Amino acid sequence: MNKKRKSVIVDNLKYTKTKVLELDGFTINEGDYIKIKGEHGVVFKFIAITKNNDNGKEWIDCIEYEKGIAKAMRAFDIDRVKRIPKKRKHVART
C-alpha cells in the first residue's frame, strides 16, 4: 500500500519572474493595483513580469479584480500597463 513516489525535478530555467516593474520613472511592486489599456471597468493586481528564456518574450501576470472581487488570473503585454497613482496623505494645514 505504501509505495514510494518518484521525485520529480522541475526545470525552472525556462521562465524567469521579476516582482518589480519600472514604468515611466515609477516603481510598481508585487501587489500594487494597475490598469490595462483596452480593459474598461476592471482593476488588476500586479504579480510579476515573466520572461521566457527560450525565445525572449516578456509579459506581466496579474489578477483581475472587478468590484473588489478576484475573478481570474490574466497575462498582458508590458506596453499595455497604466499605473494607478497612489493616494496622497492629507496634510492638515494650520
PDB file of N, CA and C in Angstrom:
ATOM      1  N   MET A   1       0.806  -1.191   0.000  1.00  0.00           N
ATOM      2  CA  MET A   1       0.000   0.000   0.000  1.00  0.00           C
ATOM      3  C   MET A   1       0.855   1.263   0.000  1.00  0.00           C
ATOM      4  N   ASN A   2       1.847   1.307   0.822  1.00  0.00           N
ATOM      5  CA  ASN A   2       2.710   2.479   0.876  1.00  0.00           C
ATOM      6  C   ASN A   2       3.772   2.380  -0.210  1.00  0.00           C
ATOM      7  N   LYS A   3       3.526   2.996  -1.334  1.00  0.00           N
ATOM      8  CA  LYS A   3       4.502   2.981  -2.415  1.00  0.00           C
ATOM      9  C   LYS A   3       5.330   4.250  -2.354  1.00  0.00           C
ATOM     10  N   LYS A   4       6.583   4.103  -2.682  1.00  0.00           N
ATOM     11  CA  LYS A   4       7.455   5.272  -2.726  1.00  0.00           C
ATOM     12  C   LYS A   4       7.180   6.044  -4.002  1.00  0.00           C
ATOM     13  N   ARG A   5       7.045   7.343  -3.851  1.00  0.00           N
ATOM     14  CA  ARG A   5       6.847   8.182  -5.026  1.00  0.00           C
ATOM     15  C   ARG A   5       8.188   8.572  -5.602  1.00  0.00           C
ATOM     16  N   LYS A   6       8.225   8.640  -6.918  1.00  0.00           N
ATOM     17  CA  LYS A   6       9.440   9.097  -7.571  1.00  0.00           C
ATOM     18  C   LYS A   6       9.517  10.610  -7.447  1.00  0.00           C
ATOM     19  N   SER A   7      10.692  11.115  -7.175  1.00  0.00           N
ATOM     20  CA  SER A   7      10.847  12.566  -7.094  1.00  0.00           C
ATOM     21  C   SER A   7      10.920  13.140  -8.508  1.00  0.00           C
ATOM     22  N   VAL A   8      10.289  14.273  -8.670  1.00  0.00           N
ATOM     23  CA  VAL A   8      10.247  14.929  -9.965  1.00  0.00           C
ATOM     24  C   VAL A   8      11.051  16.216  -9.875  1.00  0.00           C
ATOM     25  N   ILE A   9      11.943  16.429 -10.813  1.00  0.00           N
ATOM     26  CA  ILE A   9      12.742  17.637 -10.852  1.00  0.00           C
ATOM     27  C   ILE A   9      12.099  18.589 -11.862  1.00  0.00           C
ATOM     28  N   VAL A  10      11.720  19.773 -11.386  1.00  0.00           N
ATOM     29  CA  VAL A  10      11.075  20.753 -12.244  1.00  0.00           C
ATOM     30  C   VAL A  10      12.132  21.696 -12.787  1.00  0.00           C
ATOM     31  N   ASP A  11      12.088  21.933 -14.097  1.00  0.00           N
ATOM     32  CA  ASP A  11      13.043  22.818 -14.740  1.00  0.00           C
ATOM     33  C   ASP A  11      12.518  24.250 -14.690  1.00  0.00           C
ATOM     34  N   ASN A  12      13.016  25.044 -13.740  1.00  0.00           N
ATOM     35  CA  ASN A  12      12.591  26.429 -13.607  1.00  0.00           C
ATOM     36  C   ASN A  12      13.453  27.381 -14.427  1.00  0.00           C
ATOM     37  N   LEU A  13      14.332  26.867 -15.245  1.00  0.00           N
ATOM     38  CA  LEU A  13      15.205  27.722 -16.020  1.00  0.00           C
ATOM     39  C   LEU A  13      14.527  28.261 -17.273  1.00  0.00           C
ATOM     40  N   LYS A  14      13.366  27.738 -17.630  1.00  0.00           N
ATOM     41  CA  LYS A  14      12.689  28.209 -18.830  1.00  0.00           C
ATOM     42  C   LYS A  14      12.061  29.580 -18.614  1.00  0.00           C
ATOM     43  N   TYR A  15      11.512  29.833 -17.427  1.00  0.00           N
ATOM     44  CA  TYR A  15      10.856  31.101 -17.130  1.00  0.00           C
ATOM     45  C   TYR A  15      11.563  31.813 -15.986  1.00  0.00           C
ATOM     46  N   THR A  16      11.659  33.134 -16.111  1.00  0.00           N
ATOM     47  CA  THR A  16      12.225  33.967 -15.056  1.00  0.00           C
ATOM     48  C   THR A  16      11.171  34.972 -14.632  1.00  0.00           C
ATOM     49  N   LYS A  17      10.947  35.105 -13.324  1.00  0.00           N
ATOM     50  CA  LYS A  17       9.951  36.042 -12.818  1.00  0.00           C
ATOM     51  C   LYS A  17      10.639  37.170 -12.065  1.00  0.00           C
ATOM     52  N   THR A  18      10.168  38.400 -12.324  1.00  0.00           N
ATOM     53  CA  THR A  18      10.656  39.592 -11.646  1.00  0.00           C
ATOM     54  C   THR A  18       9.470  40.248 -10.963  1.00  0.00           C
ATOM     55  N   LYS A  19       9.596  40.566  -9.683  1.00  0.00           N
ATOM     56  CA  LYS A  19       8.473  41.078  -8.898  1.00  0.00           C
ATOM     57  C   LYS A  19       8.356  42.598  -8.921  1.00  0.00           C
ATOM     58  N   VAL A  20       9.209  43.296  -9.685  1.00  0.00           N
ATOM     59  CA  VAL A  20       9.211  44.758  -9.728  1.00  0.00           C
ATOM     60  C   VAL A  20       9.158  45.212 -11.182  1.00  0.00           C
ATOM     61  N   LEU A  21       8.343  46.249 -11.466  1.00  0.00           N
ATOM     62  CA  LEU A  21       8.211  46.812 -12.809  1.00  0.00           C
ATOM     63  C   LEU A  21       8.508  48.297 -12.737  1.00  0.00           C
ATOM     64  N   GLU A  22       9.440  48.779 -13.557  1.00  0.00           N
ATOM     65  CA  GLU A  22       9.735  50.204 -13.672  1.00  0.00           C
ATOM     66  C   GLU A  22       8.923  50.745 -14.837  1.00  0.00           C
ATOM     67  N   LEU A  23       8.082  51.769 -14.582  1.00  0.00           N
ATOM     68  CA  LEU A  23       7.218  52.325 -15.614  1.00  0.00           C
ATOM     69  C   LEU A  23       7.204  53.841 -15.500  1.00  0.00           C
ATOM     70  N   ASP A  24       7.727  54.517 -16.499  1.00  0.00           N
ATOM     71  CA  ASP A  24       7.755  55.986 -16.553  1.00  0.00           C
ATOM     72  C   ASP A  24       8.383  56.605 -15.303  1.00  0.00           C
ATOM     73  N   GLY A  25       9.437  56.016 -14.809  1.00  0.00           N
ATOM     74  CA  GLY A  25      10.124  56.537 -13.634  1.00  0.00           C
ATOM     75  C   GLY A  25       9.495  56.142 -12.312  1.00  0.00           C
ATOM     76  N   PHE A  26       8.435  55.359 -12.335  1.00  0.00           N
ATOM     77  CA  PHE A  26       7.773  54.905 -11.116  1.00  0.00           C
ATOM     78  C   PHE A  26       7.987  53.404 -10.961  1.00  0.00           C
ATOM     79  N   THR A  27       7.978  52.947  -9.721  1.00  0.00           N
ATOM     80  CA  THR A  27       8.178  51.534  -9.418  1.00  0.00           C
ATOM     81  C   THR A  27       6.849  50.904  -9.040  1.00  0.00           C
ATOM     82  N   ILE A  28       6.509  49.809  -9.706  1.00  0.00           N
ATOM     83  CA  ILE A  28       5.314  49.037  -9.374  1.00  0.00           C
ATOM     84  C   ILE A  28       5.791  47.727  -8.765  1.00  0.00           C
ATOM     85  N   ASN A  29       5.401  47.485  -7.523  1.00  0.00           N
ATOM     86  CA  ASN A  29       5.814  46.282  -6.799  1.00  0.00           C
ATOM     87  C   ASN A  29       4.709  45.236  -6.840  1.00  0.00           C
ATOM     88  N   GLU A  30       5.055  44.040  -6.426  1.00  0.00           N
ATOM     89  CA  GLU A  30       4.079  42.954  -6.350  1.00  0.00           C
ATOM     90  C   GLU A  30       2.955  43.346  -5.397  1.00  0.00           C
ATOM     91  N   GLY A  31       1.712  43.195  -5.843  1.00  0.00           N
ATOM     92  CA  GLY A  31       0.555  43.529  -5.015  1.00  0.00           C
ATOM     93  C   GLY A  31      -0.020  44.907  -5.282  1.00  0.00           C
ATOM     94  N   ASP A  32       0.650  45.752  -6.076  1.00  0.00           N
ATOM     95  CA  ASP A  32       0.120  47.067  -6.418  1.00  0.00           C
ATOM     96  C   ASP A  32      -0.965  46.926  -7.481  1.00  0.00           C
ATOM     97  N   TYR A  33      -1.920  47.850  -7.444  1.00  0.00           N
ATOM     98  CA  TYR A  33      -3.006  47.833  -8.416  1.00  0.00           C
ATOM     99  C   TYR A  33      -2.598  48.599  -9.663  1.00  0.00           C
ATOM    100  N   ILE A  34      -2.974  48.049 -10.823  1.00  0.00           N
ATOM    101  CA  ILE A  34      -2.683  48.673 -12.105  1.00  0.00           C
ATOM    102  C   ILE A  34      -3.930  48.607 -12.973  1.00  0.00           C
ATOM    103  N   LYS A  35      -3.909  49.373 -14.066  1.00  0.00           N
ATOM    104  CA  LYS A  35      -4.954  49.273 -15.077  1.00  0.00           C
ATOM    105  C   LYS A  35      -4.306  48.857 -16.377  1.00  0.00           C
ATOM    106  N   ILE A  36      -5.097  48.287 -17.265  1.00  0.00           N
ATOM    107  CA  ILE A  36      -4.621  47.825 -18.559  1.00  0.00           C
ATOM    108  C   ILE A  36      -5.371  48.590 -19.647  1.00  0.00           C
ATOM    109  N   LYS A  37      -4.627  49.114 -20.612  1.00  0.00           N
ATOM    110  CA  LYS A  37      -5.247  49.822 -21.734  1.00  0.00           C
ATOM    111  C   LYS A  37      -6.128  48.854 -22.518  1.00  0.00           C
ATOM    112  N   GLY A  38      -7.369  49.259 -22.777  1.00  0.00           N
ATOM    113  CA  GLY A  38      -8.299  48.425 -23.532  1.00  0.00           C
ATOM    114  C   GLY A  38      -9.206  47.566 -22.676  1.00  0.00           C
ATOM    115  N   GLU A  39      -8.973  47.506 -21.375  1.00  0.00           N
ATOM    116  CA  GLU A  39      -9.813  46.740 -20.445  1.00  0.00           C
ATOM    117  C   GLU A  39     -10.562  47.749 -19.568  1.00  0.00           C
ATOM    118  N   HIS A  40     -11.839  47.957 -19.839  1.00  0.00           N
ATOM    119  CA  HIS A  40     -12.608  49.002 -19.175  1.00  0.00           C
ATOM    120  C   HIS A  40     -13.331  48.468 -17.944  1.00  0.00           C
ATOM    121  N   GLY A  41     -13.301  49.246 -16.851  1.00  0.00           N
ATOM    122  CA  GLY A  41     -14.034  48.903 -15.645  1.00  0.00           C
ATOM    123  C   GLY A  41     -13.407  47.815 -14.803  1.00  0.00           C
ATOM    124  N   VAL A  42     -12.153  47.487 -15.067  1.00  0.00           N
ATOM    125  CA  VAL A  42     -11.503  46.393 -14.351  1.00  0.00           C
ATOM    126  C   VAL A  42     -10.162  46.888 -13.805  1.00  0.00           C
ATOM    127  N   VAL A  43      -9.833  46.473 -12.591  1.00  0.00           N
ATOM    128  CA  VAL A  43      -8.547  46.784 -11.972  1.00  0.00           C
ATOM    129  C   VAL A  43      -7.798  45.467 -11.817  1.00  0.00           C
ATOM    130  N   PHE A  44      -6.480  45.517 -11.948  1.00  0.00           N
ATOM    131  CA  PHE A  44      -5.651  44.326 -11.846  1.00  0.00           C
ATOM    132  C   PHE A  44      -4.628  44.496 -10.739  1.00  0.00           C
ATOM    133  N   LYS A  45      -4.288  43.401 -10.064  1.00  0.00           N
ATOM    134  CA  LYS A  45      -3.230  43.399  -9.063  1.00  0.00           C
ATOM    135  C   LYS A  45      -2.002  42.762  -9.694  1.00  0.00           C
ATOM    136  N   PHE A  46      -0.902  43.515  -9.704  1.00  0.00           N
ATOM    137  CA  PHE A  46       0.336  43.078 -10.338  1.00  0.00           C
ATOM    138  C   PHE A  46       0.969  41.945  -9.537  1.00  0.00           C
ATOM    139  N   ILE A  47       1.394  40.882 -10.243  1.00  0.00           N
ATOM    140  CA  ILE A  47       2.084  39.765  -9.603  1.00  0.00           C
ATOM    141  C   ILE A  47       3.562  39.767  -9.970  1.00  0.00           C
ATOM    142  N   ALA A  48       3.868  39.671 -11.272  1.00  0.00           N
ATOM    143  CA  ALA A  48       5.270  39.590 -11.693  1.00  0.00           C
ATOM    144  C   ALA A  48       5.390  39.797 -13.198  1.00  0.00           C
ATOM    145  N   ILE A  49       6.605  40.114 -13.612  1.00  0.00           N
ATOM    146  CA  ILE A  49       6.953  40.095 -15.030  1.00  0.00           C
ATOM    147  C   ILE A  49       7.545  38.722 -15.295  1.00  0.00           C
ATOM    148  N   THR A  50       7.037  38.030 -16.296  1.00  0.00           N
ATOM    149  CA  THR A  50       7.533  36.706 -16.636  1.00  0.00           C
ATOM    150  C   THR A  50       8.243  36.781 -17.976  1.00  0.00           C
ATOM    151  N   LYS A  51       9.418  36.160 -18.038  1.00  0.00           N
ATOM    152  CA  LYS A  51      10.203  36.139 -19.275  1.00  0.00           C
ATOM    153  C   LYS A  51      10.476  34.702 -19.662  1.00  0.00           C
ATOM    154  N   ASN A  52      10.207  34.377 -20.927  1.00  0.00           N
ATOM    155  CA  ASN A  52      10.515  33.060 -21.468  1.00  0.00           C
ATOM    156  C   ASN A  52      11.963  33.115 -21.945  1.00  0.00           C
ATOM    157  N   ASN A  53      12.837  32.364 -21.315  1.00  0.00           N
ATOM    158  CA  ASN A  53      14.260  32.415 -21.630  1.00  0.00           C
ATOM    159  C   ASN A  53      14.593  31.771 -22.970  1.00  0.00           C
ATOM    160  N   ASP A  54      13.702  30.925 -23.492  1.00  0.00           N
ATOM    161  CA  ASP A  54      13.966  30.281 -24.783  1.00  0.00           C
ATOM    162  C   ASP A  54      13.844  31.259 -25.948  1.00  0.00           C
ATOM    163  N   ASN A  55      12.775  32.095 -25.933  1.00  0.00           N
ATOM    164  CA  ASN A  55      12.559  32.990 -27.068  1.00  0.00           C
ATOM    165  C   ASN A  55      12.625  34.473 -26.718  1.00  0.00           C
ATOM    166  N   GLY A  56      12.792  34.828 -25.441  1.00  0.00           N
ATOM    167  CA  GLY A  56      12.969  36.213 -25.029  1.00  0.00           C
ATOM    168  C   GLY A  56      11.690  37.017 -24.868  1.00  0.00           C
ATOM    169  N   LYS A  57      10.517  36.402 -24.981  1.00  0.00           N
ATOM    170  CA  LYS A  57       9.248  37.128 -24.837  1.00  0.00           C
ATOM    171  C   LYS A  57       8.990  37.458 -23.373  1.00  0.00           C
ATOM    172  N   GLU A  58       8.383  38.635 -23.132  1.00  0.00           N
ATOM    173  CA  GLU A  58       8.051  39.078 -21.781  1.00  0.00           C
ATOM    174  C   GLU A  58       6.583  39.473 -21.710  1.00  0.00           C
ATOM    175  N   TRP A  59       5.965  39.244 -20.548  1.00  0.00           N
ATOM    176  CA  TRP A  59       4.593  39.645 -20.295  1.00  0.00           C
ATOM    177  C   TRP A  59       4.432  39.837 -18.802  1.00  0.00           C
ATOM    178  N   ILE A  60       3.302  40.443 -18.408  1.00  0.00           N
ATOM    179  CA  ILE A  60       3.035  40.594 -16.979  1.00  0.00           C
ATOM    180  C   ILE A  60       1.917  39.648 -16.577  1.00  0.00           C
ATOM    181  N   ASP A  61       2.038  39.094 -15.391  1.00  0.00           N
ATOM    182  CA  ASP A  61       0.989  38.270 -14.797  1.00  0.00           C
ATOM    183  C   ASP A  61       0.265  39.112 -13.760  1.00  0.00           C
ATOM    184  N   CYS A  62      -1.057  39.046 -13.757  1.00  0.00           N
ATOM    185  CA  CYS A  62      -1.820  39.807 -12.782  1.00  0.00           C
ATOM    186  C   CYS A  62      -3.147  39.109 -12.498  1.00  0.00           C
ATOM    187  N   ILE A  63      -3.800  39.559 -11.439  1.00  0.00           N
ATOM    188  CA  ILE A  63      -5.096  39.020 -11.051  1.00  0.00           C
ATOM    189  C   ILE A  63      -6.153  40.080 -11.343  1.00  0.00           C
ATOM    190  N   GLU A  64      -7.219  39.688 -12.015  1.00  0.00           N
ATOM    191  CA  GLU A  64      -8.299  40.607 -12.388  1.00  0.00           C
ATOM    192  C   GLU A  64      -9.242  40.793 -11.210  1.00  0.00           C
ATOM    193  N   TYR A  65      -9.516  42.062 -10.867  1.00  0.00           N
ATOM    194  CA  TYR A  65     -10.463  42.400  -9.808  1.00  0.00           C
ATOM    195  C   TYR A  65     -11.582  43.228 -10.408  1.00  0.00           C
ATOM    196  N   GLU A  66     -12.819  42.798 -10.198  1.00  0.00           N
ATOM    197  CA  GLU A  66     -13.975  43.555 -10.659  1.00  0.00           C
ATOM    198  C   GLU A  66     -14.885  43.782  -9.464  1.00  0.00           C
ATOM    199  N   LYS A  67     -15.097  45.044  -9.124  1.00  0.00           N
ATOM    200  CA  LYS A  67     -15.893  45.438  -7.962  1.00  0.00           C
ATOM    201  C   LYS A  67     -15.328  44.824  -6.683  1.00  0.00           C
ATOM    202  N   GLY A  68     -14.006  44.753  -6.577  1.00  0.00           N
ATOM    203  CA  GLY A  68     -13.349  44.262  -5.379  1.00  0.00           C
ATOM    204  C   GLY A  68     -13.286  42.760  -5.228  1.00  0.00           C
ATOM    205  N   ILE A  69     -13.739  42.015  -6.227  1.00  0.00           N
ATOM    206  CA  ILE A  69     -13.753  40.555  -6.158  1.00  0.00           C
ATOM    207  C   ILE A  69     -12.762  40.008  -7.181  1.00  0.00           C
ATOM    208  N   ALA A  70     -11.894  39.095  -6.741  1.00  0.00           N
ATOM    209  CA  ALA A  70     -10.927  38.474  -7.643  1.00  0.00           C
ATOM    210  C   ALA A  70     -11.659  37.561  -8.615  1.00  0.00           C
ATOM    211  N   LYS A  71     -11.392  37.760  -9.916  1.00  0.00           N
ATOM    212  CA  LYS A  71     -12.093  36.991 -10.935  1.00  0.00           C
ATOM    213  C   LYS A  71     -11.207  35.932 -11.589  1.00  0.00           C
ATOM    214  N   ALA A  72     -10.053  36.363 -12.130  1.00  0.00           N
ATOM    215  CA  ALA A  72      -9.238  35.423 -12.900  1.00  0.00           C
ATOM    216  C   ALA A  72      -7.792  35.896 -12.929  1.00  0.00           C
ATOM    217  N   MET A  73      -6.905  34.984 -13.267  1.00  0.00           N
ATOM    218  CA  MET A  73      -5.506  35.327 -13.472  1.00  0.00           C
ATOM    219  C   MET A  73      -5.319  35.605 -14.958  1.00  0.00           C
ATOM    220  N   ARG A  74      -4.690  36.737 -15.282  1.00  0.00           N
ATOM    221  CA  ARG A  74      -4.549  37.153 -16.670  1.00  0.00           C
ATOM    222  C   ARG A  74      -3.101  37.520 -16.955  1.00  0.00           C
ATOM    223  N   ALA A  75      -2.750  37.561 -18.226  1.00  0.00           N
ATOM    224  CA  ALA A  75      -1.407  37.953 -18.665  1.00  0.00           C
ATOM    225  C   ALA A  75      -1.552  38.949 -19.816  1.00  0.00           C
ATOM    226  N   PHE A  76      -0.711  40.001 -19.805  1.00  0.00           N
ATOM    227  CA  PHE A  76      -0.780  41.052 -20.806  1.00  0.00           C
ATOM    228  C   PHE A  76       0.628  41.454 -21.227  1.00  0.00           C
ATOM    229  N   ASP A  77       0.692  42.150 -22.397  1.00  0.00           N
ATOM    230  CA  ASP A  77       1.951  42.750 -22.819  1.00  0.00           C
ATOM    231  C   ASP A  77       2.296  43.897 -21.877  1.00  0.00           C
ATOM    232  N   ILE A  78       3.582  44.140 -21.710  1.00  0.00           N
ATOM    233  CA  ILE A  78       4.033  45.167 -20.781  1.00  0.00           C
ATOM    234  C   ILE A  78       3.645  46.563 -21.260  1.00  0.00           C
ATOM    235  N   ASP A  79       3.561  46.791 -22.575  1.00  0.00           N
ATOM    236  CA  ASP A  79       3.263  48.123 -23.076  1.00  0.00           C
ATOM    237  C   ASP A  79       1.805  48.541 -22.861  1.00  0.00           C
ATOM    238  N   ARG A  80       0.941  47.651 -22.385  1.00  0.00           N
ATOM    239  CA  ARG A  80      -0.464  47.978 -22.123  1.00  0.00           C
ATOM    240  C   ARG A  80      -0.720  48.428 -20.683  1.00  0.00           C
ATOM    241  N   VAL A  81       0.302  48.480 -19.843  1.00  0.00           N
ATOM    242  CA  VAL A  81       0.137  48.782 -18.426  1.00  0.00           C
ATOM    243  C   VAL A  81      -0.022  50.289 -18.213  1.00  0.00           C
ATOM    244  N   LYS A  82      -1.026  50.664 -17.383  1.00  0.00           N
ATOM    245  CA  LYS A  82      -1.184  52.031 -16.917  1.00  0.00           C
ATOM    246  C   LYS A  82      -1.095  52.001 -15.393  1.00  0.00           C
ATOM    247  N   ARG A  83      -0.319  52.904 -14.855  1.00  0.00           N
ATOM    248  CA  ARG A  83      -0.124  52.955 -13.411  1.00  0.00           C
ATOM    249  C   ARG A  83      -1.290  53.694 -12.765  1.00  0.00           C
ATOM    250  N   ILE A  84      -1.728  53.230 -11.604  1.00  0.00           N
ATOM    251  CA  ILE A  84      -2.736  53.933 -10.809  1.00  0.00           C
ATOM    252  C   ILE A  84      -1.978  54.725  -9.753  1.00  0.00           C
ATOM    253  N   PRO A  85      -2.080  56.053  -9.770  1.00  0.00           N
ATOM    254  CA  PRO A  85      -1.353  56.836  -8.760  1.00  0.00           C
ATOM    255  C   PRO A  85      -1.844  56.510  -7.358  1.00  0.00           C
ATOM    256  N   LYS A  86      -0.908  56.409  -6.417  1.00  0.00           N
ATOM    257  CA  LYS A  86      -1.276  56.148  -5.032  1.00  0.00           C
ATOM    258  C   LYS A  86      -1.844  57.420  -4.427  1.00  0.00           C
ATOM    259  N   LYS A  87      -2.815  57.271  -3.544  1.00  0.00           N
ATOM    260  CA  LYS A  87      -3.435  58.428  -2.913  1.00  0.00           C
ATOM    261  C   LYS A  87      -2.441  59.068  -1.968  1.00  0.00           C
ATOM    262  N   ARG A  88      -2.421  60.372  -2.023  1.00  0.00           N
ATOM    263  CA  ARG A  88      -1.530  61.130  -1.130  1.00  0.00           C
ATOM    264  C   ARG A  88      -2.169  61.294   0.225  1.00  0.00           C
ATOM    265  N   LYS A  89      -1.331  61.397   1.232  1.00  0.00           N
ATOM    266  CA  LYS A  89      -1.836  61.609   2.574  1.00  0.00           C
ATOM    267  C   LYS A  89      -2.265  63.066   2.726  1.00  0.00           C
ATOM    268  N   HIS A  90      -3.356  63.262   3.413  1.00  0.00           N
ATOM    269  CA  HIS A  90      -3.877  64.603   3.653  1.00  0.00           C
ATOM    270  C   HIS A  90      -3.079  65.260   4.759  1.00  0.00           C
ATOM    271  N   VAL A  91      -2.565  66.432   4.487  1.00  0.00           N
ATOM    272  CA  VAL A  91      -1.796  67.167   5.476  1.00  0.00           C
ATOM    273  C   VAL A  91      -2.692  68.265   6.033  1.00  0.00           C
ATOM    274  N   ALA A  92      -2.879  68.263   7.345  1.00  0.00           N
ATOM    275  CA  ALA A  92      -3.701  69.287   7.984  1.00  0.00           C
ATOM    276  C   ALA A  92      -2.936  70.602   8.027  1.00  0.00           C
ATOM    277  N   ARG A  93      -3.529  71.607   7.460  1.00  0.00           N
ATOM    278  CA  ARG A  93      -2.888  72.928   7.451  1.00  0.00           C
ATOM    279  C   ARG A  93      -3.376  73.729   8.640  1.00  0.00           C
ATOM    280  N   THR A  94      -2.458  74.455   9.226  1.00  0.00           N
ATOM    281  CA  THR A  94      -2.830  75.250  10.401  1.00  0.00           C
ATOM    282  C   THR A  94      -2.767  76.708  10.116  1.00  0.00           C
TER     283      THR A  94
END
